[in-house]
Amino acid sequence: MARKCLTERQNKRMKLALKYMDRREILKKAGDREALAKLPRNSNPVRLRNRCPVTGRGNGYIRKFGMSRITFREYASRGQIPGVTKSSW
């Protein structure tokens, strides 16, 4: 389980990125780099990190399923992910 502060920081960055998305696009098209620099740093979507919603883990994130590899394996073993079956050969 990731530390609570990491997931909260991620949520804060997500809210800021959504809040400033329109303003950032307008400034980019206008080429106004000085005004872009004055916006909060965490409003830049590049600073967002893919995190598992269950554990908060940042590494080993599977984008297609939206969770970490460990959580994915647990859910798949229990049959909670539709269309995913355990393979054996």
C-alpha atoms as a PDB file:
ATOM      1  CA  MET A   1       0.000   0.000   0.000  1.00  0.00           C
ATOM      2  CA  ALA A   2       1.393   3.371  -0.983  1.00  0.00           C
ATOM      3  CA  ARG A   3       1.640   6.133   1.550  1.00  0.00           C
ATOM      4  CA  LYS A   4      -1.549   8.135   1.881  1.00  0.00           C
ATOM      5  CA  CYS A   5       0.249  11.408   1.117  1.00  0.00           C
ATOM      6  CA  LEU A   6       1.303  10.141  -2.343  1.00  0.00           C
ATOM      7  CA  THR A   7      -2.243   9.359  -3.390  1.00  0.00           C
ATOM      8  CA  GLU A   8      -3.504  12.653  -1.968  1.00  0.00           C
ATOM      9  CA  ARG A   9      -0.806  14.562  -3.845  1.00  0.00           C
ATOM     10  CA  GLN A  10      -1.832  12.769  -7.022  1.00  0.00           C
ATOM     11  CA  ASN A  11      -5.483  13.731  -6.465  1.00  0.00           C
ATOM     12  CA  LYS A  12      -4.473  17.353  -5.905  1.00  0.00           C
ATOM     13  CA  ARG A  13      -2.495  17.382  -9.160  1.00  0.00           C
ATOM     14  CA  MET A  14      -5.430  15.826 -11.013  1.00  0.00           C
ATOM     15  CA  LYS A  15      -7.812  18.548  -9.804  1.00  0.00           C
ATOM     16  CA  LEU A  16      -5.367  21.321 -10.732  1.00  0.00           C
ATOM     17  CA  ALA A  17      -4.742  19.832 -14.182  1.00  0.00           C
ATOM     18  CA  LEU A  18      -8.485  19.734 -14.891  1.00  0.00           C
ATOM     19  CA  LYS A  19      -9.006  23.241 -13.519  1.00  0.00           C
ATOM     20  CA  TYR A  20      -6.315  24.865 -15.687  1.00  0.00           C
ATOM     21  CA  MET A  21      -6.717  22.691 -18.807  1.00  0.00           C
ATOM     22  CA  ASP A  22      -8.640  25.268 -20.878  1.00  0.00           C
ATOM     23  CA  ARG A  23      -6.462  28.201 -19.833  1.00  0.00           C
ATOM     24  CA  ARG A  24      -3.310  26.210 -20.581  1.00  0.00           C
ATOM     25  CA  GLU A  25      -4.528  25.344 -24.107  1.00  0.00           C
ATOM     26  CA  ILE A  26      -5.330  28.984 -24.878  1.00  0.00           C
ATOM     27  CA  LEU A  27      -1.909  30.145 -23.686  1.00  0.00           C
ATOM     28  CA  LYS A  28      -0.140  27.418 -25.661  1.00  0.00           C
ATOM     29  CA  LYS A  29      -1.890  28.396 -28.889  1.00  0.00           C
ATOM     30  CA  ALA A  30      -1.084  32.055 -28.270  1.00  0.00           C
ATOM     31  CA  GLY A  31       2.559  31.147 -27.589  1.00  0.00           C
ATOM     32  CA  ASP A  32       2.560  33.039 -24.294  1.00  0.00           C
ATOM     33  CA  ARG A  33       5.319  31.173 -22.422  1.00  0.00           C
ATOM     34  CA  GLU A  34       5.580  33.758 -19.647  1.00  0.00           C
ATOM     35  CA  ALA A  35       1.925  33.357 -18.669  1.00  0.00           C
ATOM     36  CA  LEU A  36       2.293  29.577 -18.812  1.00  0.00           C
ATOM     37  CA  ALA A  37       5.219  29.779 -16.420  1.00  0.00           C
ATOM     38  CA  LYS A  38       3.093  31.721 -13.930  1.00  0.00           C
ATOM     39  CA  LEU A  39       0.501  28.928 -13.686  1.00  0.00           C
ATOM     40  CA  PRO A  40       0.949  26.431 -10.830  1.00  0.00           C
ATOM     41  CA  ARG A  41       3.487  23.722 -11.615  1.00  0.00           C
ATOM     42  CA  ASN A  42       1.147  20.953 -10.563  1.00  0.00           C
ATOM     43  CA  SER A  43      -1.426  22.112 -13.112  1.00  0.00           C
ATOM     44  CA  ASN A  44       0.712  20.596 -15.866  1.00  0.00           C
ATOM     45  CA  PRO A  45      -0.673  17.162 -16.855  1.00  0.00           C
ATOM     46  CA  VAL A  46       2.884  15.901 -17.428  1.00  0.00           C
ATOM     47  CA  ARG A  47       3.314  15.773 -13.649  1.00  0.00           C
ATOM     48  CA  LEU A  48       0.507  13.222 -13.261  1.00  0.00           C
ATOM     49  CA  ARG A  49       1.482   9.637 -12.530  1.00  0.00           C
ATOM     50  CA  ASN A  50      -0.508   6.505 -13.278  1.00  0.00           C
ATOM     51  CA  ARG A  51      -1.361   4.927  -9.936  1.00  0.00           C
ATOM     52  CA  CYS A  52      -3.341   1.859  -8.968  1.00  0.00           C
ATOM     53  CA  PRO A  53      -6.684   2.962  -7.485  1.00  0.00           C
ATOM     54  CA  VAL A  54      -6.696   0.007  -5.074  1.00  0.00           C
ATOM     55  CA  THR A  55      -3.161   0.109  -3.652  1.00  0.00           C
ATOM     56  CA  GLY A  56      -1.797   3.452  -4.858  1.00  0.00           C
ATOM     57  CA  ARG A  57       1.234   1.712  -6.351  1.00  0.00           C
ATOM     58  CA  GLY A  58       3.004   3.754  -9.035  1.00  0.00           C
ATOM     59  CA  ASN A  59       5.277   1.084 -10.509  1.00  0.00           C
ATOM     60  CA  GLY A  60       4.021  -1.893 -12.482  1.00  0.00           C
ATOM     61  CA  TYR A  61       0.880  -0.110 -13.663  1.00  0.00           C
ATOM     62  CA  ILE A  62      -1.064  -1.904 -16.407  1.00  0.00           C
ATOM     63  CA  ARG A  63      -2.726   0.833 -18.431  1.00  0.00           C
ATOM     64  CA  LYS A  64      -5.266  -1.416 -20.164  1.00  0.00           C
ATOM     65  CA  PHE A  65      -6.772  -2.518 -16.845  1.00  0.00           C
ATOM     66  CA  GLY A  66      -6.017   0.591 -14.784  1.00  0.00           C
ATOM     67  CA  MET A  67      -4.320  -1.190 -11.896  1.00  0.00           C
ATOM     68  CA  SER A  68      -0.948  -2.470 -10.754  1.00  0.00           C
ATOM     69  CA  ARG A  69       0.357  -5.876 -11.790  1.00  0.00           C
ATOM     70  CA  ILE A  70      -0.027  -7.263  -8.277  1.00  0.00           C
ATOM     71  CA  THR A  71      -3.637  -6.161  -7.917  1.00  0.00           C
ATOM     72  CA  PHE A  72      -4.358  -7.377 -11.442  1.00  0.00           C
ATOM     73  CA  ARG A  73      -3.034 -10.836 -10.606  1.00  0.00           C
ATOM     74  CA  GLU A  74      -5.110 -11.060  -7.431  1.00  0.00           C
ATOM     75  CA  TYR A  75      -8.311  -9.949  -9.173  1.00  0.00           C
ATOM     76  CA  ALA A  76      -7.691 -12.249 -12.162  1.00  0.00           C
ATOM     77  CA  SER A  77      -7.104 -15.241  -9.895  1.00  0.00           C
ATOM     78  CA  ARG A  78     -10.421 -14.590  -8.160  1.00  0.00           C
ATOM     79  CA  GLY A  79     -12.167 -14.187 -11.535  1.00  0.00           C
ATOM     80  CA  GLN A  80     -13.154 -10.565 -10.910  1.00  0.00           C
ATOM     81  CA  ILE A  81     -11.857  -9.240 -14.238  1.00  0.00           C
ATOM     82  CA  PRO A  82     -14.160 -10.151 -17.136  1.00  0.00           C
ATOM     83  CA  GLY A  83     -12.493 -11.852 -20.086  1.00  0.00           C
ATOM     84  CA  VAL A  84      -9.300 -12.737 -18.216  1.00  0.00           C
ATOM     85  CA  THR A  85      -8.580 -16.364 -17.399  1.00  0.00           C
ATOM     86  CA  LYS A  86      -5.619 -18.051 -15.797  1.00  0.00           C
ATOM     87  CA  SER A  87      -3.564 -19.823 -18.420  1.00  0.00           C
ATOM     88  CA  SER A  88      -1.649 -23.047 -18.001  1.00  0.00           C
ATOM     89  CA  TRP A  89       0.402 -25.125 -20.436  1.00  0.00           C
END
